[in-house]
């Protein structure tokens, strides 16, 4: 619902982007840009000073100021708040204090080179209202500094609406009301758009492109800096995947270029190392594993699997267009070199439990994402593929030493070189079967104008609809 600390914003049309603002935001090129904070400086390894925007109010009338930032950080650091997603992001903050109304000073326990990026997830809420209502009641009627407000989620109707609020610091320029209709079926979303029931449809499939364009409907494909892959563990000694040659063979066995052309309509290119262009630390010198089934068979033979092997995979197929078809083609390519991959589709909640706990429920591998989009920083995105992950599935001590050094290196060029070196080493260790950047497909009627992104999200304040 409307608790911004209990979840990470997913999807370009998420309503939170109209309700809340953070101190900073990340653009699609990885730059950290001002939002509620105008500027920030690193004053020594452990100290950051943020200058805030003045004369901003929450939509309930409370002032946004340094005290409101401090209040929410301190609330997130309470033991009772540990269950919320964002609480983990502020554990390293030793102290936070207000200096006047427009200055916040953060002191971290250990150096945190990505604190300005980390604070791009801290969606600010009015502290007095939050304290009065509590998280559960607040989530029903959330209030922020955004241009819009939600009065009801309309769960019984399957619809809810954003209503523009006058006086917002980043006001809605054209559209005063945005109504969301929850249509889980892809065909239903396409039909609603074609018949004029909706103006925008989110997450349509690649196969719908020609049909929609023939009706004059615009299709926007946005590649997200998050890489879809299949995680390949190396910590189970009795597993074939503990052998790097098997993991590399799986990468050589998949014809990514053919999948991109036939299923994904050439809208994306195969990823090379789990980090996408625009994410800090991306290494352009790393090439994707080439399609080489002969080499895949040779590596399998060297590893003792000349007669092939059988593996099971739990895969999440929700949310990403046509990803089920991608996984099926991957399985076919693997079968051609002797690897039988059984695919088991799992629900989102089950996948989260498996990923977090490390218990993959009998599967040898699991679908996974290199989430570079959150901070646009490779140092954070690769943590899940090292021993830094809670309940890890892959460890590479020689690589992790370099990543650890990068976490406390404030020289930008040195840090970038460290990340690129570590990513090259990790690529060769093949902790995943690398696939493609995730895509978000938005289709709009011809009367919808000015689709503008603020970072990876549609900026509802800019959008216009011709009458």
Protein backbone atom coordinates (compact mmCIF):
# COMPACT_ATOMS: atom_id res chain seq x y z
CA UNK A 1 0.00 0.00 0.00
CA UNK A 2 1.34 3.47 0.82
CA UNK A 3 4.20 2.72 3.21
CA UNK A 4 7.31 3.82 1.31
CA UNK A 5 9.66 2.12 3.78
CA UNK A 6 8.14 -1.34 3.39
CA UNK A 7 8.94 -1.78 -0.29
CA UNK A 8 11.18 -0.78 -3.13
CA UNK A 9 9.55 1.14 -5.97
CA UNK A 10 9.18 -1.22 -8.92
CA UNK A 11 7.87 -0.27 -12.33
CA UNK A 12 7.94 2.94 -14.34
CA UNK A 13 4.31 3.81 -13.56
CA UNK A 14 4.40 3.15 -9.80
CA UNK A 15 2.11 5.60 -7.97
CA UNK A 16 4.78 6.45 -5.37
CA UNK A 17 6.53 8.63 -7.93
CA UNK A 18 3.55 10.98 -7.81
CA UNK A 19 3.18 10.88 -4.03
CA UNK A 20 6.66 11.13 -2.57
CA UNK A 21 10.08 12.67 -3.08
CA UNK A 22 13.48 11.66 -1.76
CA UNK A 23 16.53 13.80 -1.06
CA UNK A 24 18.11 12.76 -4.36
CA UNK A 25 17.18 10.78 -7.46
CA UNK A 26 19.17 8.75 -9.98
CA UNK A 27 18.90 9.55 -13.66
CA UNK A 28 19.15 6.90 -16.36
CA UNK A 29 22.84 7.69 -16.90
CA UNK A 30 23.72 6.98 -13.27
CA UNK A 31 24.08 10.59 -12.13
CA UNK A 32 22.86 11.51 -8.65
CA UNK A 33 20.67 14.60 -9.02
CA UNK A 34 19.02 17.02 -6.57
CA UNK A 35 15.45 16.51 -5.42
CA UNK A 36 14.50 17.60 -1.90
CA UNK A 37 18.21 18.11 -1.30
CA UNK A 38 19.82 20.80 -3.42
CA UNK A 39 23.44 19.81 -2.81
CA UNK A 40 25.70 17.61 -0.67
CA UNK A 41 29.35 17.41 0.26
CA UNK A 42 31.61 14.75 1.72
CA UNK A 43 33.35 16.32 4.71
CA UNK A 44 35.82 13.58 5.61
CA UNK A 45 35.47 9.85 5.12
CA UNK A 46 32.50 9.45 7.46
CA UNK A 47 30.64 12.76 7.26
CA UNK A 48 28.17 14.07 4.69
CA UNK A 49 26.40 17.44 4.72
CA UNK A 50 23.15 17.90 2.77
CA UNK A 51 21.61 21.27 1.97
CA UNK A 52 17.84 21.08 1.61
CA UNK A 53 15.31 22.81 -0.56
CA UNK A 54 13.48 25.58 1.28
CA UNK A 55 9.76 26.41 1.38
CA UNK A 56 8.58 22.86 0.67
CA UNK A 57 5.56 21.46 2.48
CA UNK A 58 4.01 18.04 2.77
CA UNK A 59 0.50 17.93 1.37
CA UNK A 60 -0.97 17.80 4.90
CA UNK A 61 0.63 21.19 5.64
CA UNK A 62 3.63 20.06 7.70
CA UNK A 63 6.87 21.76 6.68
CA UNK A 64 9.60 19.75 5.04
CA UNK A 65 12.87 20.61 6.75
CA UNK A 66 15.98 19.12 8.32
CA UNK A 67 14.04 18.02 11.40
CA UNK A 68 11.66 15.94 9.26
CA UNK A 69 14.61 14.12 7.67
CA UNK A 70 16.16 13.42 11.07
CA UNK A 71 12.85 12.19 12.47
CA UNK A 72 12.39 9.56 9.76
CA UNK A 73 15.99 8.33 9.91
CA UNK A 74 15.71 7.93 13.68
CA UNK A 75 12.37 6.16 13.32
CA UNK A 76 13.86 3.70 10.82
CA UNK A 77 16.71 2.96 13.24
CA UNK A 78 14.38 1.89 16.04
CA UNK A 79 14.35 -1.87 16.74
CA UNK A 80 10.62 -2.04 15.95
CA UNK A 81 11.31 -0.68 12.45
CA UNK A 82 13.84 -3.37 11.53
CA UNK A 83 11.16 -5.35 9.69
CA UNK A 84 10.81 -2.66 7.03
CA UNK A 85 12.75 -2.85 3.78
CA UNK A 86 14.47 0.52 4.04
CA UNK A 87 15.67 0.05 7.64
CA UNK A 88 18.65 -1.93 6.34
CA UNK A 89 19.79 1.07 4.30
CA UNK A 90 20.30 3.32 7.35
CA UNK A 91 22.11 0.87 9.64
CA UNK A 92 25.47 2.43 8.81
CA UNK A 93 24.33 5.92 9.84
CA UNK A 94 25.79 6.50 13.32
CA UNK A 95 24.26 9.95 13.86
CA UNK A 96 22.07 12.35 11.95
CA UNK A 97 21.39 15.89 13.10
CA UNK A 98 19.72 19.04 11.89
CA UNK A 99 21.66 22.26 11.60
CA UNK A 100 18.99 24.87 11.18
CA UNK A 101 16.06 24.15 8.90
CA UNK A 102 17.95 23.46 5.70
CA UNK A 103 21.04 21.44 6.67
CA UNK A 104 21.35 17.77 7.66
CA UNK A 105 24.64 16.24 8.75
CA UNK A 106 25.12 12.47 8.49
CA UNK A 107 27.96 10.64 10.25
CA UNK A 108 28.43 7.02 9.18
CA UNK A 109 30.01 4.20 11.14
CA UNK A 110 32.26 3.27 8.23
CA UNK A 111 32.81 5.25 5.04
CA UNK A 112 29.85 5.06 2.67
CA UNK A 113 30.75 6.33 -0.79
CA UNK A 114 27.22 5.83 -2.12
CA UNK A 115 25.24 7.53 0.66
CA UNK A 116 23.78 10.17 -1.73
CA UNK A 117 22.63 7.31 -3.96
CA UNK A 118 21.31 5.36 -0.99
CA UNK A 119 19.21 8.34 0.09
CA UNK A 120 17.48 8.36 -3.29
CA UNK A 121 15.29 5.60 -1.82
CA UNK A 122 14.37 7.54 1.33
CA UNK A 123 10.89 8.76 0.38
CA UNK A 124 10.05 11.44 2.96
CA UNK A 125 6.76 11.50 4.86
CA UNK A 126 5.35 14.10 7.30
CA UNK A 127 6.76 12.92 10.67
CA UNK A 128 3.95 14.22 12.89
CA UNK A 129 1.27 12.55 10.75
CA UNK A 130 3.34 9.37 10.57
CA UNK A 131 3.69 9.29 14.37
CA UNK A 132 -0.01 10.00 14.84
CA UNK A 133 -1.30 7.39 12.37
CA UNK A 134 1.36 4.69 12.50
CA UNK A 135 2.62 2.80 9.43
CA UNK A 136 -0.49 0.69 8.87
CA UNK A 137 -3.03 3.52 8.94
CA UNK A 138 -0.68 5.83 7.03
CA UNK A 139 -0.34 3.24 4.25
CA UNK A 140 -4.09 3.56 3.59
CA UNK A 141 -3.93 7.36 3.11
CA UNK A 142 -0.31 8.24 2.35
CA UNK A 143 0.93 11.82 2.25
CA UNK A 144 4.23 13.14 0.91
CA UNK A 145 5.69 16.19 -0.83
CA UNK A 146 4.63 14.96 -4.28
CA UNK A 147 2.24 16.59 -6.70
CA UNK A 148 -0.52 14.04 -6.05
CA UNK A 149 -2.39 12.35 -3.24
CA UNK A 150 -4.36 9.10 -2.94
CA UNK A 151 -7.57 9.22 -0.90
CA UNK A 152 -8.41 5.54 -1.25
CA UNK A 153 -6.81 2.51 -2.85
CA UNK A 154 -10.22 1.17 -3.93
CA UNK A 155 -9.23 -2.45 -3.40
CA UNK A 156 -12.85 -3.58 -3.72
CA UNK A 157 -13.11 -1.91 -7.15
CA UNK A 158 -9.67 -2.68 -8.56
CA UNK A 159 -9.08 1.03 -9.22
CA UNK A 160 -7.52 3.95 -7.41
CA UNK A 161 -6.62 7.49 -8.39
CA UNK A 162 -3.98 10.14 -7.91
CA UNK A 163 -5.47 13.62 -7.38
CA UNK A 164 -3.31 16.69 -8.04
CA UNK A 165 -2.61 18.95 -5.06
CA UNK A 166 -2.16 22.71 -5.52
CA UNK A 167 0.99 24.31 -4.22
CA UNK A 168 3.35 21.36 -4.68
CA UNK A 169 6.99 22.33 -5.19
CA UNK A 170 7.03 20.12 -8.30
CA UNK A 171 3.44 20.65 -9.47
CA UNK A 172 1.32 18.72 -11.94
CA UNK A 173 1.42 20.83 -15.10
CA UNK A 174 -1.41 19.31 -17.11
CA UNK A 175 -3.17 16.29 -15.61
CA UNK A 176 -5.21 16.71 -12.43
CA UNK A 177 -6.34 13.10 -12.04
CA UNK A 178 -4.67 9.80 -12.89
CA UNK A 179 -6.78 6.69 -12.48
CA UNK A 180 -5.13 3.30 -12.13
CA UNK A 181 -6.97 0.16 -13.20
CA UNK A 182 -5.45 -3.12 -12.14
CA UNK A 183 -5.65 -5.52 -15.10
CA UNK A 184 -3.40 -8.53 -14.42
CA UNK A 185 -4.10 -10.11 -17.80
CA UNK A 186 -1.89 -8.80 -20.61
CA UNK A 187 -4.57 -9.30 -23.27
CA UNK A 188 -7.03 -7.33 -21.17
CA UNK A 189 -4.59 -4.41 -20.96
CA UNK A 190 -4.11 -4.39 -24.73
CA UNK A 191 -7.85 -4.55 -25.37
CA UNK A 192 -8.57 -1.75 -22.87
CA UNK A 193 -6.08 0.46 -24.68
CA UNK A 194 -7.41 -0.34 -28.16
CA UNK A 195 -11.00 0.38 -27.14
CA UNK A 196 -10.15 3.64 -25.38
CA UNK A 197 -10.96 2.45 -21.87
CA UNK A 198 -7.43 3.43 -20.82
CA UNK A 199 -4.90 5.90 -22.18
CA UNK A 200 -1.78 4.04 -21.06
CA UNK A 201 -1.09 0.30 -20.78
CA UNK A 202 1.92 -0.95 -18.85
CA UNK A 203 3.83 -4.18 -19.52
CA UNK A 204 2.39 -5.36 -22.78
CA UNK A 205 4.17 -8.07 -24.74
CA UNK A 206 6.57 -7.83 -27.66
CA UNK A 207 4.14 -9.80 -29.81
CA UNK A 208 1.58 -6.99 -29.50
CA UNK A 209 3.78 -4.33 -31.14
CA UNK A 210 2.58 -4.61 -34.74
CA UNK A 211 -1.08 -4.87 -33.80
CA UNK A 212 -0.94 -1.77 -31.60
CA UNK A 213 1.09 0.30 -34.03
CA UNK A 214 -1.39 -0.52 -36.78
CA UNK A 215 -4.04 1.16 -34.62
CA UNK A 216 -1.90 4.29 -34.24
CA UNK A 217 -0.87 3.44 -30.70
CA UNK A 218 2.60 4.50 -29.59
CA UNK A 219 4.88 1.90 -27.98
CA UNK A 220 7.70 2.99 -25.66
CA UNK A 221 10.38 0.43 -24.75
CA UNK A 222 12.59 1.39 -21.84
CA UNK A 223 15.58 -0.83 -21.02
CA UNK A 224 16.12 -0.84 -17.26
CA UNK A 225 19.57 -1.13 -15.71
CA UNK A 226 18.58 -4.43 -14.12
CA UNK A 227 19.83 -7.65 -15.67
CA UNK A 228 17.79 -10.83 -15.88
CA UNK A 229 19.88 -13.95 -15.32
CA UNK A 230 19.90 -17.41 -13.84
CA UNK A 231 21.93 -17.62 -10.63
CA UNK A 232 24.53 -20.42 -10.66
CA UNK A 233 25.77 -21.40 -7.17
CA UNK A 234 29.30 -22.56 -6.43
CA UNK A 235 28.93 -23.41 -2.73
CA UNK A 236 27.47 -26.90 -2.98
CA UNK A 237 30.41 -29.24 -3.57
CA UNK A 238 28.24 -32.09 -4.82
CA UNK A 239 26.55 -29.89 -7.44
CA UNK A 240 27.76 -29.86 -11.06
CA UNK A 241 27.50 -26.06 -10.85
CA UNK A 242 30.37 -25.96 -8.35
CA UNK A 243 32.64 -26.49 -11.37
CA UNK A 244 33.35 -23.23 -13.18
CA UNK A 245 33.56 -25.12 -16.48
CA UNK A 246 29.91 -26.13 -16.20
CA UNK A 247 28.85 -22.56 -15.42
CA UNK A 248 30.85 -21.24 -18.36
CA UNK A 249 29.46 -23.96 -20.63
CA UNK A 250 25.92 -22.86 -19.86
CA UNK A 251 26.81 -19.31 -20.89
CA UNK A 252 28.39 -20.48 -24.18
CA UNK A 253 25.37 -22.70 -24.93
CA UNK A 254 22.73 -19.96 -25.17
CA UNK A 255 22.18 -18.03 -28.40
CA UNK A 256 21.29 -14.68 -26.84
CA UNK A 257 21.41 -12.78 -30.11
CA UNK A 258 18.77 -15.05 -31.64
CA UNK A 259 16.55 -14.70 -28.57
CA UNK A 260 16.88 -10.90 -28.69
CA UNK A 261 15.94 -10.87 -32.36
CA UNK A 262 13.06 -13.35 -32.36
CA UNK A 263 11.40 -12.88 -28.97
CA UNK A 264 12.44 -9.39 -27.89
CA UNK A 265 12.23 -7.76 -31.34
CA UNK A 266 15.82 -6.45 -31.15
CA UNK A 267 14.81 -3.94 -28.46
CA UNK A 268 17.72 -4.97 -26.21
CA UNK A 269 21.20 -6.40 -26.57
CA UNK A 270 22.59 -9.36 -24.61
CA UNK A 271 24.24 -8.35 -21.38
CA UNK A 272 27.92 -9.03 -20.84
CA UNK A 273 28.44 -9.13 -17.09
CA UNK A 274 25.27 -8.34 -15.17
CA UNK A 275 25.95 -4.59 -15.11
CA UNK A 276 24.33 -2.43 -17.75
CA UNK A 277 25.69 0.72 -19.46
CA UNK A 278 25.05 3.81 -17.36
CA UNK A 279 25.65 2.01 -14.07
CA UNK A 280 28.79 3.27 -12.35
CA UNK A 281 31.54 0.67 -12.71
CA UNK A 282 30.21 -0.82 -15.96
CA UNK A 283 33.13 -2.34 -17.86
CA UNK A 284 32.80 -1.79 -21.64
CA UNK A 285 35.78 -4.06 -22.27
CA UNK A 286 33.84 -7.16 -21.21
CA UNK A 287 32.09 -8.86 -24.12
CA UNK A 288 29.07 -11.13 -23.75
CA UNK A 289 29.79 -14.85 -23.83
CA UNK A 290 29.61 -15.76 -27.54
CA UNK A 291 27.27 -18.46 -28.77
CA UNK A 292 29.59 -21.46 -29.08
CA UNK A 293 27.85 -24.80 -28.50
CA UNK A 294 30.98 -26.74 -29.48
CA UNK A 295 32.96 -25.04 -26.72
CA UNK A 296 30.10 -25.65 -24.31
CA UNK A 297 30.19 -29.39 -25.04
CA UNK A 298 33.99 -29.46 -24.68
CA UNK A 299 33.83 -27.76 -21.28
CA UNK A 300 31.15 -30.16 -20.11
CA UNK A 301 33.29 -33.11 -21.21
CA UNK A 302 36.31 -31.70 -19.36
CA UNK A 303 34.16 -31.40 -16.24
CA UNK A 304 33.09 -35.04 -16.54
CA UNK A 305 29.65 -34.51 -18.07
CA UNK A 306 30.20 -35.64 -21.64
CA UNK A 307 26.93 -37.58 -21.45
CA UNK A 308 25.07 -34.51 -20.21
CA UNK A 309 23.36 -33.63 -16.93
CA UNK A 310 19.98 -32.68 -15.54
CA UNK A 311 19.21 -29.51 -13.57
CA UNK A 312 16.12 -27.91 -12.06
CA UNK A 313 15.37 -24.17 -12.06
CA UNK A 314 12.79 -22.12 -10.17
CA UNK A 315 11.99 -19.06 -12.29
CA UNK A 316 9.92 -15.94 -11.74
CA UNK A 317 7.99 -15.06 -14.89
CA UNK A 318 5.86 -12.22 -13.57
CA UNK A 319 6.47 -8.57 -14.39
CA UNK A 320 8.83 -8.78 -17.36
CA UNK A 321 7.29 -9.05 -20.85
CA UNK A 322 7.64 -12.48 -22.47
CA UNK A 323 10.29 -13.62 -19.98
CA UNK A 324 8.65 -17.08 -19.83
CA UNK A 325 9.35 -17.52 -23.56
CA UNK A 326 12.96 -16.41 -22.99
CA UNK A 327 13.49 -19.03 -20.27
CA UNK A 328 11.94 -21.72 -22.48
CA UNK A 329 14.32 -20.88 -25.32
CA UNK A 330 17.26 -20.92 -22.89
CA UNK A 331 16.23 -24.42 -21.84
CA UNK A 332 16.08 -25.51 -25.49
CA UNK A 333 19.56 -24.13 -26.18
CA UNK A 334 20.95 -25.90 -23.12
CA UNK A 335 19.31 -29.14 -24.20
CA UNK A 336 21.19 -28.96 -27.50
CA UNK A 337 24.51 -29.35 -25.63
CA UNK A 338 23.26 -32.04 -23.26
CA UNK A 339 21.93 -30.03 -20.31
CA UNK A 340 18.32 -30.83 -19.47
CA UNK A 341 16.87 -27.88 -17.56
CA UNK A 342 13.50 -28.38 -15.90
CA UNK A 343 11.67 -25.07 -15.44
CA UNK A 344 9.33 -24.50 -12.52
CA UNK A 345 7.40 -21.21 -12.47
CA UNK A 346 7.10 -19.65 -9.02
CA UNK A 347 5.10 -16.74 -7.62
CA UNK A 348 6.72 -13.50 -6.55
CA UNK A 349 6.32 -14.04 -2.80
CA UNK A 350 7.76 -17.56 -3.06
CA UNK A 351 10.70 -16.30 -5.11
CA UNK A 352 11.48 -13.61 -2.53
CA UNK A 353 11.50 -16.20 0.26
CA UNK A 354 13.81 -18.50 -1.71
CA UNK A 355 16.16 -15.69 -2.69
CA UNK A 356 16.35 -14.28 0.83
CA UNK A 357 16.64 -17.56 2.73
CA UNK A 358 18.97 -19.38 0.35
CA UNK A 359 16.56 -22.34 0.37
CA UNK A 360 15.77 -22.90 -3.30
CA UNK A 361 13.39 -25.76 -2.49
CA UNK A 362 15.24 -28.45 -4.35
CA UNK A 363 16.20 -26.36 -7.39
CA UNK A 364 19.77 -26.24 -8.66
CA UNK A 365 19.42 -22.69 -9.93
CA UNK A 366 17.03 -19.79 -9.65
CA UNK A 367 16.15 -16.77 -11.75
CA UNK A 368 17.77 -13.60 -10.48
CA UNK A 369 18.31 -9.92 -11.19
CA UNK A 370 21.42 -7.78 -11.01
CA UNK A 371 19.66 -4.70 -9.72
CA UNK A 372 21.81 -1.87 -10.97
CA UNK A 373 18.79 0.40 -11.35
CA UNK A 374 18.36 0.98 -7.62
CA UNK A 375 21.59 2.90 -7.07
CA UNK A 376 23.09 2.85 -10.58
CA UNK A 377 26.22 1.53 -8.89
CA UNK A 378 27.94 -1.78 -9.60
CA UNK A 379 29.33 -2.04 -6.09
CA UNK A 380 25.87 -2.51 -4.68
CA UNK A 381 24.43 -4.51 -7.57
CA UNK A 382 26.96 -7.34 -7.29
CA UNK A 383 26.62 -7.84 -3.52
CA UNK A 384 24.01 -10.54 -4.07
CA UNK A 385 26.53 -12.55 -6.12
CA UNK A 386 29.19 -12.63 -3.40
CA UNK A 387 29.49 -13.68 0.22
CA UNK A 388 28.21 -10.22 1.15
CA UNK A 389 24.67 -11.51 0.51
CA UNK A 390 22.75 -12.86 3.48
CA UNK A 391 22.54 -16.63 2.94
CA UNK A 392 24.90 -16.48 -0.04
CA UNK A 393 24.97 -18.94 -2.92
CA UNK A 394 28.23 -17.77 -4.53
CA UNK A 395 31.55 -16.79 -2.98
CA UNK A 396 34.72 -15.52 -4.64
CA UNK A 397 37.08 -14.18 -1.94
CA UNK A 398 39.66 -12.83 -4.40
CA UNK A 399 37.00 -10.71 -6.09
CA UNK A 400 35.28 -9.66 -2.89
CA UNK A 401 38.48 -8.10 -1.56
CA UNK A 402 38.45 -5.67 -4.48
CA UNK A 403 34.77 -4.88 -4.05
CA UNK A 404 35.40 -4.22 -0.35
CA UNK A 405 38.18 -1.79 -1.25
CA UNK A 406 35.86 0.01 -3.66
CA UNK A 407 33.31 0.55 -0.90
CA UNK A 408 35.67 2.91 0.93
CA UNK A 409 37.40 4.53 -2.05
CA UNK A 410 36.28 8.14 -2.56
CA UNK A 411 38.49 8.81 -5.58
CA UNK A 412 35.97 8.32 -8.40
CA UNK A 413 38.44 7.16 -11.05
CA UNK A 414 40.22 4.74 -8.71
CA UNK A 415 36.91 3.31 -7.55
CA UNK A 416 35.67 2.87 -11.11
CA UNK A 417 38.87 1.01 -12.02
CA UNK A 418 38.47 -1.25 -8.99
CA UNK A 419 34.91 -2.11 -9.89
CA UNK A 420 35.78 -2.80 -13.52
CA UNK A 421 38.63 -5.09 -12.50
CA UNK A 422 36.44 -7.03 -10.09
CA UNK A 423 33.63 -7.33 -12.64
CA UNK A 424 36.02 -8.78 -15.23
CA UNK A 425 37.15 -11.40 -12.75
CA UNK A 426 33.58 -12.19 -11.73
CA UNK A 427 32.50 -12.50 -15.36
CA UNK A 428 35.01 -15.33 -15.90
CA UNK A 429 33.80 -17.11 -12.75
CA UNK A 430 30.25 -17.11 -14.21
CA UNK A 431 28.10 -16.75 -11.08
CA UNK A 432 25.11 -16.49 -13.41
CA UNK A 433 23.86 -17.32 -16.85
CA UNK A 434 23.75 -13.76 -18.14
CA UNK A 435 20.75 -12.85 -20.28
CA UNK A 436 19.29 -9.39 -20.97
CA UNK A 437 18.48 -6.06 -19.37
CA UNK A 438 14.91 -5.95 -18.17
CA UNK A 439 12.49 -3.97 -20.28
CA UNK A 440 9.42 -1.97 -19.43
CA UNK A 441 6.97 -1.52 -22.27
CA UNK A 442 4.44 1.29 -22.12
CA UNK A 443 1.82 1.71 -24.85
CA UNK A 444 -0.06 5.01 -25.11
CA UNK A 445 -2.98 6.30 -27.11
CA UNK A 446 -2.18 9.00 -29.70
CA UNK A 447 -3.66 11.70 -27.47
CA UNK A 448 -1.12 11.10 -24.70
CA UNK A 449 1.76 13.54 -25.02
CA UNK A 450 5.03 14.26 -23.29
CA UNK A 451 6.01 10.92 -21.76
CA UNK A 452 9.02 12.07 -19.72
CA UNK A 453 11.10 9.94 -17.37
CA UNK A 454 12.44 11.14 -14.05
CA UNK A 455 15.14 8.59 -13.55
CA UNK A 456 13.54 5.26 -14.47
CA UNK A 457 10.00 6.41 -13.65
CA UNK A 458 7.36 8.22 -15.67
CA UNK A 459 7.09 11.80 -14.41
CA UNK A 460 3.36 12.26 -13.95
CA UNK A 461 3.81 16.01 -13.46
CA UNK A 462 4.92 16.41 -17.10
CA UNK A 463 2.47 14.15 -18.92
CA UNK A 464 -0.28 15.72 -21.04
CA UNK A 465 -3.43 14.43 -22.72
CA UNK A 466 -4.88 16.13 -25.78
CA UNK A 467 -8.57 16.92 -25.49
